[in-house]
PDB file of N, CA and C in Angstrom:
ATOM      1  N   MET A   1      85.674 122.649 104.417  1.00  0.00           N
ATOM      2  CA  MET A   1      87.094 121.828 104.222  1.00  0.00           C
ATOM      3  C   MET A   1      86.641 121.891 102.711  1.00  0.00           C
ATOM      4  N   SER A   2      87.489 122.695 101.990  1.00  0.00           N
ATOM      5  CA  SER A   2      87.491 122.269 100.258  1.00  0.00           C
ATOM      6  C   SER A   2      89.233 121.240 100.175  1.00  0.00           C
ATOM      7  N   THR A   3      88.713 120.603  98.517  1.00  0.00           N
ATOM      8  CA  THR A   3      89.763 119.369  98.643  1.00  0.00           C
ATOM      9  C   THR A   3      91.141 120.345  98.914  1.00  0.00           C
ATOM     10  N   THR A   4      91.320 120.806  98.034  1.00  0.00           N
ATOM     11  CA  THR A   4      92.549 121.934  98.229  1.00  0.00           C
ATOM     12  C   THR A   4      93.427 121.709  99.811  1.00  0.00           C
ATOM     13  N   GLU A   5      92.353 122.157 100.501  1.00  0.00           N
ATOM     14  CA  GLU A   5      93.035 122.054 101.899  1.00  0.00           C
ATOM     15  C   GLU A   5      93.014 120.973 102.568  1.00  0.00           C
ATOM     16  N   VAL A   6      94.137 121.415 103.282  1.00  0.00           N
ATOM     17  CA  VAL A   6      94.446 119.531 103.683  1.00  0.00           C
ATOM     18  C   VAL A   6      95.079 119.259 105.009  1.00  0.00           C
ATOM     19  N   ASP A   7      94.656 120.004 106.110  1.00  0.00           N
ATOM     20  CA  ASP A   7      95.182 119.193 107.047  1.00  0.00           C
ATOM     21  C   ASP A   7      97.005 118.391 107.443  1.00  0.00           C
ATOM     22  N   PRO A   8      97.687 119.577 107.464  1.00  0.00           N
ATOM     23  CA  PRO A   8      99.755 118.805 107.028  1.00  0.00           C
ATOM     24  C   PRO A   8      99.808 117.182 108.074  1.00  0.00           C
ATOM     25  N   ARG A   9      99.197 117.108 108.797  1.00  0.00           N
ATOM     26  CA  ARG A   9      99.016 116.324 109.680  1.00  0.00           C
ATOM     27  C   ARG A   9      98.196 114.992 109.004  1.00  0.00           C
ATOM     28  N   VAL A  10      97.827 114.891 108.252  1.00  0.00           N
ATOM     29  CA  VAL A  10      97.311 114.235 107.382  1.00  0.00           C
ATOM     30  C   VAL A  10      97.630 114.181 105.743  1.00  0.00           C
ATOM     31  N   GLU A  11      98.261 114.909 105.102  1.00  0.00           N
ATOM     32  CA  GLU A  11      98.910 115.645 103.422  1.00  0.00           C
ATOM     33  C   GLU A  11      99.140 113.860 103.481  1.00  0.00           C
ATOM     34  N   TRP A  12     100.340 113.933 103.771  1.00  0.00           N
ATOM     35  CA  TRP A  12     101.536 112.394 103.900  1.00  0.00           C
ATOM     36  C   TRP A  12     100.130 111.319 103.596  1.00  0.00           C
ATOM     37  N   CYS A  13      99.098 111.383 104.076  1.00  0.00           N
ATOM     38  CA  CYS A  13      97.977 109.705 103.407  1.00  0.00           C
ATOM     39  C   CYS A  13      97.111 110.932 102.056  1.00  0.00           C
ATOM     40  N   MET A  14      97.359 111.865 102.721  1.00  0.00           N
ATOM     41  CA  MET A  14      96.036 112.531 100.519  1.00  0.00           C
ATOM     42  C   MET A  14      96.958 111.556  99.912  1.00  0.00           C
ATOM     43  N   LYS A  15      98.232 111.923  99.507  1.00  0.00           N
ATOM     44  CA  LYS A  15      99.314 111.758  98.665  1.00  0.00           C
ATOM     45  C   LYS A  15      99.282 109.715  98.298  1.00  0.00           C
ATOM     46  N   ILE A  16      98.952 109.821  99.502  1.00  0.00           N
ATOM     47  CA  ILE A  16      99.275 108.513  99.412  1.00  0.00           C
ATOM     48  C   ILE A  16      98.082 107.997  98.599  1.00  0.00           C
ATOM     49  N   MET A  17      96.976 108.114  98.952  1.00  0.00           N
ATOM     50  CA  MET A  17      95.770 107.759  97.911  1.00  0.00           C
ATOM     51  C   MET A  17      95.055 108.828  96.918  1.00  0.00           C
ATOM     52  N   ASP A  18      96.112 108.993  96.408  1.00  0.00           N
ATOM     53  CA  ASP A  18      95.720 110.564  94.938  1.00  0.00           C
ATOM     54  C   ASP A  18      96.377 109.024  94.317  1.00  0.00           C
ATOM     55  N   GLN A  19      95.619 109.035  93.481  1.00  0.00           N
ATOM     56  CA  GLN A  19      96.175 108.135  91.984  1.00  0.00           C
ATOM     57  C   GLN A  19      96.561 108.837  91.308  1.00  0.00           C
ATOM     58  N   GLU A  20      96.568 110.021  90.545  1.00  0.00           N
ATOM     59  CA  GLU A  20      96.939 111.269  89.918  1.00  0.00           C
ATOM     60  C   GLU A  20      96.757 111.248  88.915  1.00  0.00           C
ATOM     61  N   GLY A  21      95.289 110.472  88.651  1.00  0.00           N
ATOM     62  CA  GLY A  21      94.649 110.347  86.924  1.00  0.00           C
ATOM     63  C   GLY A  21      94.920 109.185  86.353  1.00  0.00           C
ATOM     64  N   MET A  22      96.128 108.647  86.959  1.00  0.00           N
ATOM     65  CA  MET A  22      96.240 107.049  86.464  1.00  0.00           C
ATOM     66  C   MET A  22      95.025 106.098  87.342  1.00  0.00           C
ATOM     67  N   ASP A  23      94.865 105.225  86.410  1.00  0.00           N
ATOM     68  CA  ASP A  23      94.181 104.520  86.123  1.00  0.00           C
ATOM     69  C   ASP A  23      94.547 102.784  86.705  1.00  0.00           C
ATOM     70  N   MET A  24      94.503 101.971  87.553  1.00  0.00           N
ATOM     71  CA  MET A  24      95.619 101.517  88.173  1.00  0.00           C
ATOM     72  C   MET A  24      94.898 100.052  88.072  1.00  0.00           C
ATOM     73  N   GLU A  25      93.980  99.361  86.690  1.00  0.00           N
ATOM     74  CA  GLU A  25      93.353  98.500  86.158  1.00  0.00           C
ATOM     75  C   GLU A  25      94.245  97.573  85.268  1.00  0.00           C
ATOM     76  N   SER A  26      94.740  96.673  85.386  1.00  0.00           N
ATOM     77  CA  SER A  26      94.778  96.103  84.298  1.00  0.00           C
ATOM     78  C   SER A  26      93.633  96.163  83.359  1.00  0.00           C
ATOM     79  N   GLU A  27      94.183  95.212  82.565  1.00  0.00           N
ATOM     80  CA  GLU A  27      92.986  94.484  81.144  1.00  0.00           C
ATOM     81  C   GLU A  27      92.405  93.603  81.494  1.00  0.00           C
ATOM     82  N   VAL A  28      93.425  92.441  82.195  1.00  0.00           N
ATOM     83  CA  VAL A  28      92.559  91.479  82.833  1.00  0.00           C
ATOM     84  C   VAL A  28      91.645  91.961  83.933  1.00  0.00           C
ATOM     85  N   MET A  29      91.581  92.584  84.329  1.00  0.00           N
ATOM     86  CA  MET A  29      90.899  92.994  85.737  1.00  0.00           C
ATOM     87  C   MET A  29      89.668  93.993  85.097  1.00  0.00           C
ATOM     88  N   TYR A  30      90.129  94.733  84.608  1.00  0.00           N
ATOM     89  CA  TYR A  30      89.146  95.366  83.396  1.00  0.00           C
ATOM     90  C   TYR A  30      87.936  94.430  82.671  1.00  0.00           C
ATOM     91  N   LEU A  31      88.522  93.128  81.903  1.00  0.00           N
ATOM     92  CA  LEU A  31      87.713  92.579  80.436  1.00  0.00           C
ATOM     93  C   LEU A  31      87.021  90.952  81.788  1.00  0.00           C
ATOM     94  N   SER A  32      87.648  91.138  83.091  1.00  0.00           N
ATOM     95  CA  SER A  32      87.286  89.707  83.419  1.00  0.00           C
ATOM     96  C   SER A  32      86.360  88.904  84.061  1.00  0.00           C
ATOM     97  N   ALA A  33      85.117  90.842  84.873  1.00  0.00           N
ATOM     98  CA  ALA A  33      83.352  90.793  84.412  1.00  0.00           C
ATOM     99  C   ALA A  33      82.920  89.900  83.506  1.00  0.00           C
ATOM    100  N   PRO A  34      83.153  90.743  82.493  1.00  0.00           N
ATOM    101  CA  PRO A  34      82.335  90.887  81.170  1.00  0.00           C
ATOM    102  C   PRO A  34      82.655  89.943  80.395  1.00  0.00           C
ATOM    103  N   VAL A  35      83.723  89.414  80.785  1.00  0.00           N
ATOM    104  CA  VAL A  35      84.283  88.192  79.649  1.00  0.00           C
ATOM    105  C   VAL A  35      83.425  87.098  80.670  1.00  0.00           C
ATOM    106  N   THR A  36      84.045  86.505  81.618  1.00  0.00           N
ATOM    107  CA  THR A  36      83.632  85.482  82.283  1.00  0.00           C
ATOM    108  C   THR A  36      82.077  85.671  82.106  1.00  0.00           C
ATOM    109  N   LEU A  37      81.076  87.046  82.390  1.00  0.00           N
ATOM    110  CA  LEU A  37      79.653  86.792  82.352  1.00  0.00           C
ATOM    111  C   LEU A  37      79.088  86.340  80.500  1.00  0.00           C
ATOM    112  N   GLY A  38      79.594  86.648  79.944  1.00  0.00           N
ATOM    113  CA  GLY A  38      79.980  86.587  78.326  1.00  0.00           C
ATOM    114  C   GLY A  38      79.997  84.862  78.366  1.00  0.00           C
ATOM    115  N   ALA A  39      80.875  83.934  78.490  1.00  0.00           N
ATOM    116  CA  ALA A  39      80.739  83.071  78.769  1.00  0.00           C
ATOM    117  C   ALA A  39      79.962  82.120  79.180  1.00  0.00           C
ATOM    118  N   THR A  40      79.323  82.565  79.899  1.00  0.00           N
ATOM    119  CA  THR A  40      78.307  81.739  80.846  1.00  0.00           C
ATOM    120  C   THR A  40      77.391  80.827  80.363  1.00  0.00           C
ATOM    121  N   PRO A  41      76.169  81.457  79.113  1.00  0.00           N
ATOM    122  CA  PRO A  41      75.761  81.349  78.723  1.00  0.00           C
ATOM    123  C   PRO A  41      75.992  79.707  77.509  1.00  0.00           C
ATOM    124  N   ALA A  42      77.304  79.581  77.177  1.00  0.00           N
ATOM    125  CA  ALA A  42      77.875  78.901  75.920  1.00  0.00           C
ATOM    126  C   ALA A  42      78.084  77.984  76.992  1.00  0.00           C
ATOM    127  N   ALA A  43      79.162  77.797  78.562  1.00  0.00           N
ATOM    128  CA  ALA A  43      79.342  76.935  79.617  1.00  0.00           C
ATOM    129  C   ALA A  43      78.442  76.481  79.734  1.00  0.00           C
ATOM    130  N   THR A  44      77.790  76.660  80.121  1.00  0.00           N
ATOM    131  CA  THR A  44      76.340  76.443  80.717  1.00  0.00           C
ATOM    132  C   THR A  44      75.872  75.932  79.484  1.00  0.00           C
ATOM    133  N   ILE A  45      75.199  75.632  78.125  1.00  0.00           N
ATOM    134  CA  ILE A  45      75.131  74.927  77.633  1.00  0.00           C
ATOM    135  C   ILE A  45      75.770  73.667  76.669  1.00  0.00           C
ATOM    136  N   ALA A  46      76.908  73.992  77.304  1.00  0.00           N
ATOM    137  CA  ALA A  46      78.224  73.035  76.816  1.00  0.00           C
ATOM    138  C   ALA A  46      77.637  72.230  77.784  1.00  0.00           C
ATOM    139  N   ILE A  47      77.495  72.600  79.294  1.00  0.00           N
ATOM    140  CA  ILE A  47      77.462  71.321  80.008  1.00  0.00           C
ATOM    141  C   ILE A  47      76.137  70.580  80.087  1.00  0.00           C
ATOM    142  N   SER A  48      75.005  71.092  80.312  1.00  0.00           N
ATOM    143  CA  SER A  48      73.986  70.741  79.984  1.00  0.00           C
ATOM    144  C   SER A  48      74.242  69.798  79.323  1.00  0.00           C
ATOM    145  N   ASN A  49      74.071  70.124  78.074  1.00  0.00           N
ATOM    146  CA  ASN A  49      74.143  69.036  76.908  1.00  0.00           C
ATOM    147  C   ASN A  49      75.238  67.665  77.591  1.00  0.00           C
ATOM    148  N   PHE A  50      76.625  68.297  78.141  1.00  0.00           N
ATOM    149  CA  PHE A  50      77.284  66.825  78.178  1.00  0.00           C
ATOM    150  C   PHE A  50      76.078  66.177  79.139  1.00  0.00           C
ATOM    151  N   VAL A  51      76.213  66.772  80.445  1.00  0.00           N
ATOM    152  CA  VAL A  51      75.219  66.074  80.911  1.00  0.00           C
ATOM    153  C   VAL A  51      74.290  64.971  80.284  1.00  0.00           C
ATOM    154  N   TYR A  52      73.686  65.694  79.159  1.00  0.00           N
ATOM    155  CA  TYR A  52      72.758  64.470  79.210  1.00  0.00           C
ATOM    156  C   TYR A  52      72.515  64.306  78.191  1.00  0.00           C
ATOM    157  N   ARG A  53      73.830  64.404  77.269  1.00  0.00           N
ATOM    158  CA  ARG A  53      74.222  63.266  76.194  1.00  0.00           C
ATOM    159  C   ARG A  53      74.134  63.887  75.293  1.00  0.00           C
ATOM    160  N   LEU A  54      73.968  64.920  74.897  1.00  0.00           N
ATOM    161  CA  LEU A  54      73.601  65.841  73.453  1.00  0.00           C
ATOM    162  C   LEU A  54      74.946  66.464  72.919  1.00  0.00           C
ATOM    163  N   PRO A  55      74.455  65.719  71.327  1.00  0.00           N
ATOM    164  CA  PRO A  55      76.414  66.925  71.076  1.00  0.00           C
ATOM    165  C   PRO A  55      76.305  67.804  71.476  1.00  0.00           C
ATOM    166  N   ILE A  56      77.438  68.571  71.728  1.00  0.00           N
ATOM    167  CA  ILE A  56      77.949  69.743  72.335  1.00  0.00           C
ATOM    168  C   ILE A  56      77.698  71.277  71.552  1.00  0.00           C
ATOM    169  N   LYS A  57      77.336  70.722  70.042  1.00  0.00           N
ATOM    170  CA  LYS A  57      76.683  72.262  69.531  1.00  0.00           C
ATOM    171  C   LYS A  57      75.718  72.079  69.555  1.00  0.00           C
ATOM    172  N   THR A  58      75.037  71.426  70.277  1.00  0.00           N
ATOM    173  CA  THR A  58      73.180  71.578  70.203  1.00  0.00           C
ATOM    174  C   THR A  58      72.558  72.375  70.508  1.00  0.00           C
ATOM    175  N   ASN A  59      71.632  73.225  70.496  1.00  0.00           N
ATOM    176  CA  ASN A  59      71.290  75.028  71.576  1.00  0.00           C
ATOM    177  C   ASN A  59      71.893  75.608  71.721  1.00  0.00           C
ATOM    178  N   MET A  60      73.110  75.464  70.970  1.00  0.00           N
ATOM    179  CA  MET A  60      74.180  76.768  70.655  1.00  0.00           C
ATOM    180  C   MET A  60      74.058  78.532  70.465  1.00  0.00           C
ATOM    181  N   GLY A  61      72.883  78.705  69.548  1.00  0.00           N
ATOM    182  CA  GLY A  61      72.507  79.119  68.596  1.00  0.00           C
ATOM    183  C   GLY A  61      71.495  80.252  69.622  1.00  0.00           C
ATOM    184  N   ALA A  62      70.940  79.356  70.901  1.00  0.00           N
ATOM    185  CA  ALA A  62      70.257  80.795  72.243  1.00  0.00           C
ATOM    186  C   ALA A  62      71.399  80.837  73.063  1.00  0.00           C
ATOM    187  N   ALA A  63      73.203  79.803  73.224  1.00  0.00           N
ATOM    188  CA  ALA A  63      73.877  80.686  73.950  1.00  0.00           C
ATOM    189  C   ALA A  63      74.886  81.907  72.542  1.00  0.00           C
ATOM    190  N   ILE A  64      74.581  81.368  71.759  1.00  0.00           N
ATOM    191  CA  ILE A  64      75.419  82.991  70.832  1.00  0.00           C
ATOM    192  C   ILE A  64      74.675  84.030  70.301  1.00  0.00           C
ATOM    193  N   LEU A  65      72.812  83.813  70.927  1.00  0.00           N
ATOM    194  CA  LEU A  65      72.246  85.360  71.474  1.00  0.00           C
ATOM    195  C   LEU A  65      71.982  86.084  72.550  1.00  0.00           C
ATOM    196  N   ALA A  66      72.725  84.758  73.563  1.00  0.00           N
ATOM    197  CA  ALA A  66      72.577  85.516  74.546  1.00  0.00           C
ATOM    198  C   ALA A  66      73.717  86.151  75.723  1.00  0.00           C
ATOM    199  N   THR A  67      74.735  86.101  74.999  1.00  0.00           N
ATOM    200  CA  THR A  67      75.992  86.242  75.328  1.00  0.00           C
ATOM    201  C   THR A  67      76.505  87.018  74.573  1.00  0.00           C
ATOM    202  N   PRO A  68      76.418  88.306  73.720  1.00  0.00           N
ATOM    203  CA  PRO A  68      76.125  89.615  74.487  1.00  0.00           C
ATOM    204  C   PRO A  68      75.317  90.467  74.992  1.00  0.00           C
ATOM    205  N   ILE A  69      74.224  89.707  75.455  1.00  0.00           N
ATOM    206  CA  ILE A  69      73.402  89.839  76.620  1.00  0.00           C
ATOM    207  C   ILE A  69      74.156  89.928  77.767  1.00  0.00           C
ATOM    208  N   ALA A  70      74.464  89.223  78.347  1.00  0.00           N
ATOM    209  CA  ALA A  70      75.814  88.427  79.053  1.00  0.00           C
ATOM    210  C   ALA A  70      77.183  89.007  79.651  1.00  0.00           C
ATOM    211  N   PHE A  71      77.242  89.353  78.164  1.00  0.00           N
ATOM    212  CA  PHE A  71      78.666  90.576  77.776  1.00  0.00           C
ATOM    213  C   PHE A  71      78.577  91.965  78.694  1.00  0.00           C
ATOM    214  N   GLY A  72      76.904  92.826  78.032  1.00  0.00           N
ATOM    215  CA  GLY A  72      76.704  93.969  78.711  1.00  0.00           C
ATOM    216  C   GLY A  72      76.427  93.814  80.340  1.00  0.00           C
ATOM    217  N   CYS A  73      75.589  93.108  80.543  1.00  0.00           N
ATOM    218  CA  CYS A  73      75.308  92.634  82.276  1.00  0.00           C
ATOM    219  C   CYS A  73      76.582  92.360  82.376  1.00  0.00           C
ATOM    220  N   GLY A  74      77.743  91.535  82.561  1.00  0.00           N
ATOM    221  CA  GLY A  74      79.049  92.057  82.800  1.00  0.00           C
ATOM    222  C   GLY A  74      79.634  93.636  82.781  1.00  0.00           C
ATOM    223  N   LEU A  75      79.523  93.927  81.948  1.00  0.00           N
ATOM    224  CA  LEU A  75      79.747  95.988  82.432  1.00  0.00           C
ATOM    225  C   LEU A  75      79.432  96.761  82.926  1.00  0.00           C
ATOM    226  N   LEU A  76      77.613  96.267  83.343  1.00  0.00           N
ATOM    227  CA  LEU A  76      76.865  96.841  84.382  1.00  0.00           C
ATOM    228  C   LEU A  76      77.239  96.301  85.646  1.00  0.00           C
ATOM    229  N   VAL A  77      77.840  95.011  86.346  1.00  0.00           N
ATOM    230  CA  VAL A  77      78.703  94.852  87.129  1.00  0.00           C
ATOM    231  C   VAL A  77      79.394  95.254  86.997  1.00  0.00           C
ATOM    232  N   LYS A  78      80.264  95.652  86.460  1.00  0.00           N
ATOM    233  CA  LYS A  78      81.635  95.685  86.787  1.00  0.00           C
ATOM    234  C   LYS A  78      81.661  98.021  87.209  1.00  0.00           C
ATOM    235  N   ARG A  79      81.044  97.873  86.324  1.00  0.00           N
ATOM    236  CA  ARG A  79      80.302  99.190  86.473  1.00  0.00           C
ATOM    237  C   ARG A  79      80.317  99.636  88.074  1.00  0.00           C
ATOM    238  N   TRP A  80      78.385  98.764  88.127  1.00  0.00           N
ATOM    239  CA  TRP A  80      78.273  98.967  89.437  1.00  0.00           C
ATOM    240  C   TRP A  80      79.390  98.720  90.766  1.00  0.00           C
ATOM    241  N   ARG A  81      79.963  97.889  90.317  1.00  0.00           N
ATOM    242  CA  ARG A  81      81.691  97.408  91.586  1.00  0.00           C
ATOM    243  C   ARG A  81      82.115  98.675  91.671  1.00  0.00           C
ATOM    244  N   GLU A  82      82.454  98.727  90.629  1.00  0.00           N
ATOM    245  CA  GLU A  82      83.670 100.407  90.402  1.00  0.00           C
ATOM    246  C   GLU A  82      82.623 101.383  91.344  1.00  0.00           C
ATOM    247  N   ASN A  83      81.803 102.450  91.440  1.00  0.00           N
ATOM    248  CA  ASN A  83      81.018 102.430  92.141  1.00  0.00           C
ATOM    249  C   ASN A  83      81.175 102.832  92.824  1.00  0.00           C
ATOM    250  N   ILE A  84      80.449 101.029  93.776  1.00  0.00           N
ATOM    251  CA  ILE A  84      81.169 100.763  95.562  1.00  0.00           C
ATOM    252  C   ILE A  84      81.591 101.112  95.868  1.00  0.00           C
ATOM    253  N   ASN A  85      83.090 100.791  94.900  1.00  0.00           N
ATOM    254  CA  ASN A  85      84.866 101.777  95.325  1.00  0.00           C
ATOM    255  C   ASN A  85      85.154 102.242  95.639  1.00  0.00           C
ATOM    256  N   ARG A  86      84.547 103.635  94.282  1.00  0.00           N
ATOM    257  CA  ARG A  86      84.392 104.580  94.721  1.00  0.00           C
ATOM    258  C   ARG A  86      83.825 106.190  96.073  1.00  0.00           C
ATOM    259  N   GLU A  87      82.975 104.896  96.215  1.00  0.00           N
ATOM    260  CA  GLU A  87      82.229 105.978  96.932  1.00  0.00           C
ATOM    261  C   GLU A  87      83.261 105.119  98.678  1.00  0.00           C
ATOM    262  N   ASN A  88      83.619 104.483  98.805  1.00  0.00           N
ATOM    263  CA  ASN A  88      83.928 103.646  99.511  1.00  0.00           C
ATOM    264  C   ASN A  88      85.886 104.387 100.095  1.00  0.00           C
ATOM    265  N   MET A  89      85.712 104.975  98.787  1.00  0.00           N
ATOM    266  CA  MET A  89      87.160 106.177  98.841  1.00  0.00           C
ATOM    267  C   MET A  89      87.363 106.721  99.630  1.00  0.00           C
ATOM    268  N   ALA A  90      85.422 107.692  98.828  1.00  0.00           N
ATOM    269  CA  ALA A  90      85.567 108.829  99.448  1.00  0.00           C
ATOM    270  C   ALA A  90      85.134 108.846 100.839  1.00  0.00           C
ATOM    271  N   THR A  91      84.133 107.735 101.738  1.00  0.00           N
ATOM    272  CA  THR A  91      84.469 107.290 102.861  1.00  0.00           C
ATOM    273  C   THR A  91      85.060 107.491 103.476  1.00  0.00           C
ATOM    274  N   MET A  92      86.566 106.441 103.163  1.00  0.00           N
ATOM    275  CA  MET A  92      87.445 107.195 103.786  1.00  0.00           C
ATOM    276  C   MET A  92      88.892 108.553 104.243  1.00  0.00           C
ATOM    277  N   LYS A  93      88.544 109.598 103.224  1.00  0.00           N
ATOM    278  CA  LYS A  93      89.260 110.056 102.929  1.00  0.00           C
ATOM    279  C   LYS A  93      88.395 111.155 104.082  1.00  0.00           C
ATOM    280  N   HIS A  94      87.268 110.831 103.481  1.00  0.00           N
ATOM    281  CA  HIS A  94      86.217 112.364 104.411  1.00  0.00           C
ATOM    282  C   HIS A  94      86.858 111.989 106.200  1.00  0.00           C
ATOM    283  N   TYR A  95      86.852 110.714 106.401  1.00  0.00           N
ATOM    284  CA  TYR A  95      87.261 109.963 107.408  1.00  0.00           C
ATOM    285  C   TYR A  95      88.564 110.116 108.281  1.00  0.00           C
ATOM    286  N   ILE A  96      89.392 109.920 107.189  1.00  0.00           N
ATOM    287  CA  ILE A  96      91.253 110.753 107.378  1.00  0.00           C
ATOM    288  C   ILE A  96      90.905 112.008 107.873  1.00  0.00           C
ATOM    289  N   LEU A  97      89.949 113.131 106.898  1.00  0.00           N
ATOM    290  CA  LEU A  97      89.987 114.392 106.796  1.00  0.00           C
ATOM    291  C   LEU A  97      89.377 114.929 108.085  1.00  0.00           C
ATOM    292  N   THR A  98      88.360 114.397 108.625  1.00  0.00           N
ATOM    293  CA  THR A  98      88.099 114.999 109.689  1.00  0.00           C
ATOM    294  C   THR A  98      88.221 113.823 111.084  1.00  0.00           C
ATOM    295  N   HIS A  99      89.095 113.370 110.803  1.00  0.00           N
ATOM    296  CA  HIS A  99      89.717 112.426 112.397  1.00  0.00           C
ATOM    297  C   HIS A  99      91.244 112.044 112.072  1.00  0.00           C
ATOM    298  N   PRO A 100      92.174 113.713 111.851  1.00  0.00           N
ATOM    299  CA  PRO A 100      93.587 113.432 111.364  1.00  0.00           C
ATOM    300  C   PRO A 100      94.235 113.400 113.214  1.00  0.00           C
ATOM    301  N   GLU A 101      93.471 113.316 114.520  1.00  0.00           N
ATOM    302  CA  GLU A 101      94.666 112.234 115.145  1.00  0.00           C
ATOM    303  C   GLU A 101      94.863 110.985 114.790  1.00  0.00           C
ATOM    304  N   ARG A 102      93.889 110.502 115.126  1.00  0.00           N
ATOM    305  CA  ARG A 102      93.598 108.905 114.831  1.00  0.00           C
ATOM    306  C   ARG A 102      94.866 108.348 113.219  1.00  0.00           C
ATOM    307  N   PHE A 103      95.197 109.075 112.136  1.00  0.00           N
ATOM    308  CA  PHE A 103      96.095 109.218 111.624  1.00  0.00           C
ATOM    309  C   PHE A 103      97.713 108.918 111.771  1.00  0.00           C
ATOM    310  N   PRO A 104      98.719 109.094 112.683  1.00  0.00           N
ATOM    311  CA  PRO A 104      99.907 109.447 112.646  1.00  0.00           C
ATOM    312  C   PRO A 104     100.889 108.824 111.732  1.00  0.00           C
ATOM    313  N   GLU A 105     101.173 110.315 111.401  1.00  0.00           N
ATOM    314  CA  GLU A 105     102.245 109.649 109.346  1.00  0.00           C
ATOM    315  C   GLU A 105     103.786 109.089 111.018  1.00  0.00           C
ATOM    316  N   PRO A 106     103.966 107.539 110.160  1.00  0.00           N
ATOM    317  CA  PRO A 106     104.959 105.959 110.490  1.00  0.00           C
ATOM    318  C   PRO A 106     106.004 106.848 109.918  1.00  0.00           C
ATOM    319  N   LYS A 107     107.327 106.513 111.093  1.00  0.00           N
ATOM    320  CA  LYS A 107     108.277 107.295 111.192  1.00  0.00           C
ATOM    321  C   LYS A 107     109.003 106.336 109.953  1.00  0.00           C
ATOM    322  N   ARG A 108     109.987 107.173 109.405  1.00  0.00           N
ATOM    323  CA  ARG A 108     110.301 106.319 108.285  1.00  0.00           C
ATOM    324  C   ARG A 108     111.790 105.148 108.470  1.00  0.00           C
ATOM    325  N   THR A 109     111.367 104.280 108.206  1.00  0.00           N
ATOM    326  CA  THR A 109     112.616 103.027 108.614  1.00  0.00           C
ATOM    327  C   THR A 109     113.970 103.294 106.823  1.00  0.00           C
ATOM    328  N   LYS A 110     114.789 102.820 107.150  1.00  0.00           N
ATOM    329  CA  LYS A 110     115.330 101.939 105.517  1.00  0.00           C
ATOM    330  C   LYS A 110     115.726 100.889 105.289  1.00  0.00           C
ATOM    331  N   TYR A 111     115.573 100.186 104.732  1.00  0.00           N
ATOM    332  CA  TYR A 111     114.714  98.738 104.791  1.00  0.00           C
ATOM    333  C   TYR A 111     116.174  97.981 105.596  1.00  0.00           C
ATOM    334  N   ILE A 112     117.956  98.548 105.659  1.00  0.00           N
ATOM    335  CA  ILE A 112     118.437  97.489 106.134  1.00  0.00           C
ATOM    336  C   ILE A 112     118.644  97.763 107.745  1.00  0.00           C
ATOM    337  N   ASP A 113     117.740  98.823 107.449  1.00  0.00           N
ATOM    338  CA  ASP A 113     117.400  98.634 109.732  1.00  0.00           C
ATOM    339  C   ASP A 113     116.160  97.211 110.150  1.00  0.00           C
ATOM    340  N   LEU A 114     115.744  97.411 108.749  1.00  0.00           N
ATOM    341  CA  LEU A 114     114.362  95.607 109.112  1.00  0.00           C
ATOM    342  C   LEU A 114     115.396  94.685 109.166  1.00  0.00           C
ATOM    343  N   ILE A 115     116.793  94.648 108.693  1.00  0.00           N
ATOM    344  CA  ILE A 115     116.775  93.118 108.228  1.00  0.00           C
ATOM    345  C   ILE A 115     117.552  92.425 109.804  1.00  0.00           C
ATOM    346  N   GLU A 116     117.225  91.873 110.401  1.00  0.00           N
ATOM    347  CA  GLU A 116     117.951  91.424 111.272  1.00  0.00           C
ATOM    348  C   GLU A 116     119.142  90.369 110.806  1.00  0.00           C
ATOM    349  N   PRO A 117     120.115  89.984 112.176  1.00  0.00           N
ATOM    350  CA  PRO A 117     121.266  89.213 111.571  1.00  0.00           C
ATOM    351  C   PRO A 117     121.003  87.727 110.892  1.00  0.00           C
ATOM    352  N   TRP A 118     121.337  86.772 110.188  1.00  0.00           N
ATOM    353  CA  TRP A 118     121.416  85.614 109.858  1.00  0.00           C
ATOM    354  C   TRP A 118     121.402  84.573 110.909  1.00  0.00           C
ATOM    355  N   ASN A 119     121.453  84.017 111.543  1.00  0.00           N
ATOM    356  CA  ASN A 119     121.957  82.799 112.114  1.00  0.00           C
ATOM    357  C   ASN A 119     121.424  81.113 111.780  1.00  0.00           C
ATOM    358  N   ALA A 120     122.898  80.815 111.343  1.00  0.00           N
ATOM    359  CA  ALA A 120     122.342  79.387 110.977  1.00  0.00           C
ATOM    360  C   ALA A 120     121.847  78.986 112.037  1.00  0.00           C
ATOM    361  N   GLY A 121     120.810  78.275 111.620  1.00  0.00           N
ATOM    362  CA  GLY A 121     119.940  76.770 112.180  1.00  0.00           C
ATOM    363  C   GLY A 121     120.937  76.048 112.648  1.00  0.00           C
ATOM    364  N   ARG A 122     121.819  75.130 112.351  1.00  0.00           N
ATOM    365  CA  ARG A 122     122.497  73.866 112.603  1.00  0.00           C
ATOM    366  C   ARG A 122     123.008  73.274 113.844  1.00  0.00           C
ATOM    367  N   LEU A 123     122.524  71.949 113.731  1.00  0.00           N
ATOM    368  CA  LEU A 123     122.811  71.142 115.061  1.00  0.00           C
ATOM    369  C   LEU A 123     123.802  70.606 115.691  1.00  0.00           C
TER     370      LEU A 123
END
């Protein structure tokens, strides 16, 4: 079964899972792992200096040298996690395509049908 041939029973599901080339990740999520790991050396040394009652800026040269390395490790962690997510998505799509009987299309309901009447809870 090629990517263009989709069982009509699960076509609705494939439309939901299709991102249409759009990246759904915000800038904050894009930079969260690299920035967090990049800030870790400076924070670790600052906390260590505080615990040992040294001036906070002592040994910050090592933190400055370690920050780009830690930022790069954050990018690698982010890329590794994206690959795992991509593989999980492909596995889910494959399962849906091979077992369409387990994914019936849900019936469409209007929002007004889901609203229940309001009853005042007075005594």
